Protein backbone atom coordinates (compact mmCIF):
# COMPACT_ATOMS: atom_id res chain seq x y z
CA MET A 1 75.28 112.55 88.31
CA THR A 2 78.55 113.91 87.60
CA PRO A 3 79.57 117.88 88.71
CA ALA A 4 80.39 118.35 85.09
CA PHE A 5 77.02 117.06 83.86
CA PHE A 6 75.31 119.26 86.83
CA LYS A 7 77.55 122.09 85.20
CA LYS A 8 76.06 121.49 81.89
CA THR A 9 72.50 121.25 83.09
CA LEU A 10 72.63 124.52 84.91
CA GLN A 11 73.95 126.07 81.30
CA GLY A 12 71.33 124.72 79.40
CA CYS A 13 68.92 126.49 82.16
CA SER A 14 70.64 129.37 81.65
CA VAL A 15 70.26 129.32 78.02
CA SER A 16 66.82 128.75 78.12
CA PHE A 17 66.28 131.39 80.74
CA VAL A 18 67.91 133.58 78.42
CA ALA A 19 65.37 133.75 76.20
CA ILE A 20 62.77 135.33 79.01
CA PHE A 21 64.92 138.21 78.60
CA PHE A 22 64.18 138.79 75.10
CA LEU A 23 60.68 138.04 75.50
CA ALA A 24 59.88 140.55 78.04
CA ALA A 25 58.55 144.08 77.35
CA CYS A 26 60.83 147.09 77.29
CA SER A 27 59.87 149.91 78.67
CA PRO A 28 61.48 153.41 79.56
CA LYS A 29 59.03 153.52 82.48
CA LEU A 30 59.81 151.89 86.02
CA ASP A 31 56.61 150.68 86.87
CA TRP A 32 57.17 149.43 90.50
CA ARG A 33 55.09 146.59 91.81
CA VAL A 34 54.47 144.17 94.42
CA VAL A 35 55.08 140.32 93.06
CA GLN A 36 53.85 137.55 95.12
CA SER A 37 55.61 134.20 94.70
CA PRO A 38 53.94 132.23 97.17
CA GLN A 39 55.24 129.10 95.61
CA GLU A 40 58.58 129.83 95.78
CA ARG A 41 58.18 131.69 99.22
CA TYR A 42 59.15 134.90 98.48
CA THR A 43 57.68 138.73 97.90
CA ALA A 44 59.57 140.77 95.55
CA LEU A 45 59.37 144.71 93.88
CA PHE A 46 59.60 144.63 90.42
CA PRO A 47 59.93 147.61 88.06
CA GLY A 48 57.35 146.50 85.66
CA LYS A 49 55.66 143.06 85.29
CA PRO A 50 58.01 140.09 84.72
CA GLU A 51 57.78 137.12 83.11
CA LYS A 52 57.90 133.89 85.11
CA ILE A 53 59.13 130.42 84.20
CA GLN A 54 59.62 127.07 85.42
CA ARG A 55 61.25 123.77 85.00
CA ARG A 56 62.31 120.90 86.96
CA ILE A 57 66.47 119.85 86.57
CA ALA A 58 68.02 116.44 86.74
CA TYR A 59 70.77 116.38 89.57
CA GLN A 60 72.00 113.30 91.81
CA ASP A 61 69.06 111.09 90.39
CA GLN A 62 66.74 113.75 91.67
CA GLU A 63 64.52 116.65 90.20
CA LEU A 64 65.16 119.86 91.37
CA LEU A 65 62.39 122.54 91.18
CA GLN A 66 63.81 125.83 89.58
CA THR A 67 62.05 129.01 88.74
CA LEU A 68 62.89 132.58 87.11
CA GLU A 69 61.12 135.67 87.17
CA ALA A 70 62.58 138.26 84.94
CA LEU A 71 61.90 141.84 83.71
CA LYS A 72 63.93 143.76 80.63
CA ILE A 73 63.80 147.60 80.71
CA GLU A 74 65.90 149.60 78.66
CA ASP A 75 69.74 148.46 79.11
CA ASP A 76 68.73 146.42 82.65
CA ILE A 77 67.66 142.99 83.12
CA TYR A 78 66.15 142.61 86.64
CA SER A 79 65.74 138.34 87.47
CA ILE A 80 65.14 136.38 90.77
CA SER A 81 65.98 132.65 90.16
CA ALA A 82 64.77 130.16 92.84
CA THR A 83 65.97 126.48 92.91
CA GLN A 84 64.31 123.97 95.41
CA LEU A 85 66.43 121.63 97.14
CA PRO A 86 64.25 118.68 98.99
CA ILE A 87 64.86 117.52 102.38
CA ALA A 88 66.51 114.46 101.10
CA GLN A 89 68.74 116.88 98.99
CA SER A 90 69.54 119.48 101.71
CA ALA A 91 73.16 118.33 102.09
CA LEU A 92 73.70 119.34 98.79
CA LEU A 93 73.46 122.76 99.32
CA PRO A 94 77.25 123.87 99.40
CA LYS A 95 77.74 122.25 96.47
CA LEU A 96 74.88 123.84 94.35
CA LEU A 97 75.46 127.48 95.96
CA LEU A 98 79.29 127.03 94.78
CA GLN A 99 78.21 125.88 91.43
CA LEU A 100 76.03 128.58 90.57
CA GLN A 101 78.70 131.36 92.00
CA ALA A 102 81.41 129.39 89.93
CA ASN A 103 79.35 129.76 86.46
CA LEU A 104 79.24 133.65 87.04
CA PHE A 105 82.99 133.91 88.45
CA SER A 106 84.49 131.82 85.82
CA ARG A 107 82.56 133.80 83.10
CA ALA A 108 83.95 137.00 84.34
CA LYS A 109 87.42 135.91 84.91
CA ASP A 110 87.63 134.41 81.36
CA THR A 111 86.49 137.46 79.92
CA GLY A 112 89.07 139.65 81.48
CA GLY A 113 86.34 140.95 83.71
CA GLN A 114 86.73 141.28 87.75
CA VAL A 115 84.35 140.24 90.45
CA MET A 116 84.10 143.01 93.80
CA ILE A 117 82.25 142.07 97.04
CA GLU A 118 80.01 143.78 99.13
CA ASP A 119 78.48 143.09 102.63
CA ALA A 120 74.87 143.57 102.67
CA VAL A 121 71.65 143.28 104.69
CA TYR A 122 68.30 141.63 103.40
CA GLN A 123 64.91 141.53 105.47
CA THR A 124 62.95 138.25 105.68
CA SER A 125 59.17 138.18 105.46
CA THR A 126 58.74 138.86 109.20
CA ARG A 127 61.37 141.65 108.65
CA GLN A 128 64.17 140.06 110.53
CA LYS A 129 67.50 141.44 109.00
CA GLN A 130 70.23 138.71 107.89
CA ALA A 131 73.75 139.38 106.88
CA SER A 132 74.52 138.34 103.38
CA LYS A 133 77.05 139.62 100.10
CA ASP A 134 76.37 141.29 97.38
CA TYR A 135 78.68 140.68 94.18
CA LEU A 136 79.68 143.35 91.65
CA ILE A 137 80.78 141.31 88.35
CA GLN A 138 82.30 142.87 85.41
CA PHE A 139 82.07 141.03 82.10
CA LYS A 140 83.91 142.17 79.05
CA SER A 141 83.85 141.31 75.42
CA ASN A 142 85.98 141.99 72.26
CA GLY A 143 88.29 144.03 74.89
CA THR A 144 86.29 147.18 75.03
CA ASN A 145 82.53 146.16 75.40
CA GLU A 146 81.48 145.28 78.98
CA GLN A 147 78.56 144.63 81.04
CA TRP A 148 77.99 144.75 84.76
CA MET A 149 75.76 142.54 87.02
CA ARG A 150 75.07 142.96 90.94
CA VAL A 151 74.03 139.69 92.35
CA ARG A 152 73.05 138.45 95.80
CA TRP A 153 72.36 134.72 96.65
CA ILE A 154 69.96 133.97 99.48
CA THR A 155 69.50 130.44 101.38
CA ARG A 156 66.14 129.81 103.23
CA VAL A 157 65.03 126.77 104.87
CA ALA A 158 61.17 126.11 104.74
CA VAL A 159 58.97 124.61 107.49
CA ASP A 160 58.80 121.62 105.62
CA GLY A 161 62.77 121.10 105.57
CA SER A 162 63.49 121.80 101.89
CA VAL A 163 65.89 124.75 101.08
CA TRP A 164 65.65 127.40 98.70
CA VAL A 165 68.30 129.02 97.00
CA TYR A 166 67.63 132.39 95.59
CA GLN A 167 69.49 134.40 93.42
CA ILE A 168 68.75 137.94 92.81
CA SER A 169 70.36 139.91 90.18
CA VAL A 170 70.36 143.06 88.03
CA LEU A 171 72.36 142.85 84.90
CA HIS A 172 73.37 145.95 83.22
CA THR A 173 74.06 145.59 79.56
CA LYS A 174 76.24 148.55 78.60
CA ALA A 175 79.42 150.06 80.07
CA ILE A 176 79.29 152.12 82.96
CA SER A 177 81.19 155.65 82.94
CA LYS A 178 81.37 155.97 86.55
CA ASP A 179 82.15 154.18 89.63
CA ALA A 180 80.28 150.36 89.11
CA LYS A 181 79.67 150.36 93.27
CA THR A 182 78.04 153.92 93.12
CA PHE A 183 76.14 153.15 89.57
CA LEU A 184 75.10 149.76 90.85
CA SER A 185 73.59 151.07 93.98
CA LYS A 186 71.42 153.54 92.45
CA GLU A 187 67.71 153.94 93.48
CA ASP A 188 66.88 151.80 90.83
CA TYR A 189 68.53 148.70 91.75
CA ALA A 190 68.59 149.12 95.67
CA ASN A 191 64.33 149.05 95.58
CA PHE A 192 65.07 145.86 93.63
CA PHE A 193 67.31 144.32 96.18
CA ASP A 194 66.01 146.20 99.33
CA GLU A 195 62.30 144.93 98.88
CA PHE A 196 63.17 141.17 98.19
CA TYR A 197 61.38 139.48 101.54
CA PRO A 198 61.83 135.51 101.49
CA GLU A 199 59.92 133.46 103.87
C-alpha cells in the first residue's frame, strides 16, 4: 500500500470517527468518571460517559486495530484514539506517527492556523513519569471562525511486543478570547490529560 493510500484510509477513519462526536450526548455538566479500556491497555478519566467505536484499517497488506472513545460536552470534544501495530509491523511506528501528526498539522496550515509545542509529562499505569509533548493547534475557517485543539501522542510497547499509539485530544469548537495556552491548560482539560494512564 502506498503512503497516499494510507493517508486516504486514515482520513476515511477520521470521517467515520466524526460521526461519534455528534452521537455523543451533550451535557452542560462535567461528570468525571474513570473509564477502563483493558483491550486498548489504558485507563482514562472522562467528563462523562464516552461512546466507543472500533474498526480495522488496511495498511501494508496488514490490518491495524483502531479504536476511538469520545464525548462531546457543550463546545468541547474529548477523545482518545488507539492504534495497534502488531510486532511484525512495529518498524512502521515512525511513519504511522508522522502521518497522524501531519494530517492535523497540514489542516492547520491550510486554514491559516498555527501549531505550538509545549513540553509535557504523563504517567504510566504504574505511575512512572515519561516525557511527552503537547501540541496546541489552531484551525481557522472563513477567515474569522476558529477552533483550537490540544493533542498529545503517546507510544507504548506491550508485553507481546506490539506497539500502541495513543492520541489524546480535546477540540474546542469555538474561538478563544484569551491566551490559548492558558485556556487549554484549565482544569477541565488538565484532568483529562493528567489522568490518562497507559500500561
